[in-house]
Amino acid sequence: MLTVAPFDRLGTPMEIIKHFGGKKQYLAAIQELARELYGVS
């Protein structure tokens, strides 16, 4: 997902993950986003 437009303009996958403070925090943010978008618990 991070390598397709428009996300590829935000940086490389590693750069984007670093913005979240690391892989663990990135994955937590993605899970929270999914919960908000889709009502997934």
N, C-alpha and C. Protein backbone atom coordinates (compact mmCIF):
# COMPACT_ATOMS: atom_id res chain seq x y z
N MET A 1 0.82 -1.19 0.00
CA MET A 1 0.00 0.00 0.00
C MET A 1 0.86 1.25 0.00
N LEU A 2 1.98 1.23 0.67
CA LEU A 2 2.81 2.43 0.79
C LEU A 2 3.57 2.74 -0.49
N THR A 3 3.53 1.85 -1.46
CA THR A 3 4.29 2.08 -2.69
C THR A 3 3.40 2.52 -3.85
N VAL A 4 2.11 2.76 -3.59
CA VAL A 4 1.20 3.21 -4.64
C VAL A 4 0.79 4.66 -4.38
N ALA A 5 0.42 5.35 -5.47
CA ALA A 5 0.00 6.74 -5.35
C ALA A 5 -1.27 6.82 -4.52
N PRO A 6 -1.48 7.80 -3.72
CA PRO A 6 -0.61 8.94 -3.46
C PRO A 6 0.38 8.71 -2.33
N PHE A 7 0.36 7.52 -1.72
CA PHE A 7 1.22 7.27 -0.57
C PHE A 7 2.70 7.28 -0.91
N ASP A 8 3.05 6.92 -2.14
CA ASP A 8 4.46 6.90 -2.53
C ASP A 8 5.07 8.29 -2.49
N ARG A 9 4.26 9.33 -2.55
CA ARG A 9 4.78 10.70 -2.48
C ARG A 9 5.14 11.11 -1.06
N LEU A 10 4.75 10.33 -0.08
CA LEU A 10 5.03 10.65 1.32
C LEU A 10 6.41 10.17 1.76
N GLY A 11 7.05 9.35 0.96
CA GLY A 11 8.36 8.81 1.29
C GLY A 11 8.38 7.31 1.08
N THR A 12 9.53 6.74 1.36
CA THR A 12 9.66 5.29 1.25
C THR A 12 8.90 4.64 2.41
N PRO A 13 8.59 3.35 2.30
CA PRO A 13 7.91 2.70 3.42
C PRO A 13 8.65 2.88 4.75
N MET A 14 9.96 2.77 4.74
CA MET A 14 10.73 2.93 5.99
C MET A 14 10.64 4.36 6.51
N GLU A 15 10.66 5.35 5.63
CA GLU A 15 10.54 6.74 6.07
C GLU A 15 9.17 6.98 6.72
N ILE A 16 8.14 6.43 6.11
CA ILE A 16 6.79 6.60 6.65
C ILE A 16 6.68 5.93 8.02
N ILE A 17 7.20 4.72 8.14
CA ILE A 17 7.17 4.00 9.42
C ILE A 17 7.93 4.77 10.49
N LYS A 18 9.05 5.37 10.13
CA LYS A 18 9.83 6.16 11.09
C LYS A 18 9.04 7.37 11.59
N HIS A 19 8.17 7.94 10.76
CA HIS A 19 7.35 9.08 11.19
C HIS A 19 6.41 8.68 12.33
N PHE A 20 6.07 7.41 12.41
CA PHE A 20 5.20 6.92 13.47
C PHE A 20 5.99 6.50 14.71
N GLY A 21 7.30 6.51 14.63
CA GLY A 21 8.12 6.12 15.76
C GLY A 21 8.58 4.68 15.72
N GLY A 22 8.33 3.99 14.63
CA GLY A 22 8.75 2.60 14.48
C GLY A 22 7.62 1.72 14.00
N LYS A 23 7.97 0.47 13.73
CA LYS A 23 7.01 -0.47 13.15
C LYS A 23 5.83 -0.74 14.09
N LYS A 24 6.12 -0.91 15.37
CA LYS A 24 5.06 -1.21 16.34
C LYS A 24 4.02 -0.09 16.37
N GLN A 25 4.47 1.15 16.42
CA GLN A 25 3.56 2.28 16.46
C GLN A 25 2.83 2.46 15.14
N TYR A 26 3.51 2.17 14.04
CA TYR A 26 2.88 2.25 12.72
C TYR A 26 1.73 1.24 12.62
N LEU A 27 1.99 0.01 13.02
CA LEU A 27 0.95 -1.03 12.96
C LEU A 27 -0.23 -0.69 13.88
N ALA A 28 0.06 -0.11 15.03
CA ALA A 28 -1.01 0.30 15.94
C ALA A 28 -1.86 1.39 15.30
N ALA A 29 -1.23 2.33 14.61
CA ALA A 29 -1.97 3.40 13.93
C ALA A 29 -2.83 2.84 12.81
N ILE A 30 -2.32 1.86 12.07
CA ILE A 30 -3.09 1.24 10.99
C ILE A 30 -4.30 0.50 11.57
N GLN A 31 -4.10 -0.20 12.68
CA GLN A 31 -5.21 -0.91 13.32
C GLN A 31 -6.28 0.07 13.81
N GLU A 32 -5.84 1.17 14.39
CA GLU A 32 -6.79 2.18 14.87
C GLU A 32 -7.56 2.78 13.69
N LEU A 33 -6.88 3.05 12.60
CA LEU A 33 -7.53 3.58 11.41
C LEU A 33 -8.58 2.61 10.88
N ALA A 34 -8.24 1.33 10.83
CA ALA A 34 -9.19 0.31 10.36
C ALA A 34 -10.42 0.26 11.26
N ARG A 35 -10.20 0.34 12.57
CA ARG A 35 -11.33 0.34 13.51
C ARG A 35 -12.25 1.53 13.25
N GLU A 36 -11.67 2.69 13.03
CA GLU A 36 -12.47 3.89 12.79
C GLU A 36 -13.20 3.83 11.46
N LEU A 37 -12.54 3.32 10.44
CA LEU A 37 -13.14 3.27 9.10
C LEU A 37 -14.19 2.18 8.96
N TYR A 38 -13.91 1.02 9.52
CA TYR A 38 -14.74 -0.15 9.27
C TYR A 38 -15.46 -0.69 10.49
N GLY A 39 -15.25 -0.07 11.64
CA GLY A 39 -15.89 -0.56 12.85
C GLY A 39 -15.35 -1.90 13.30
N VAL A 40 -14.09 -2.20 12.93
CA VAL A 40 -13.44 -3.46 13.30
C VAL A 40 -12.91 -3.32 14.72
N SER A 41 -13.15 -4.32 15.55
CA SER A 41 -12.63 -4.26 16.93
C SER A 41 -11.42 -5.11 17.11
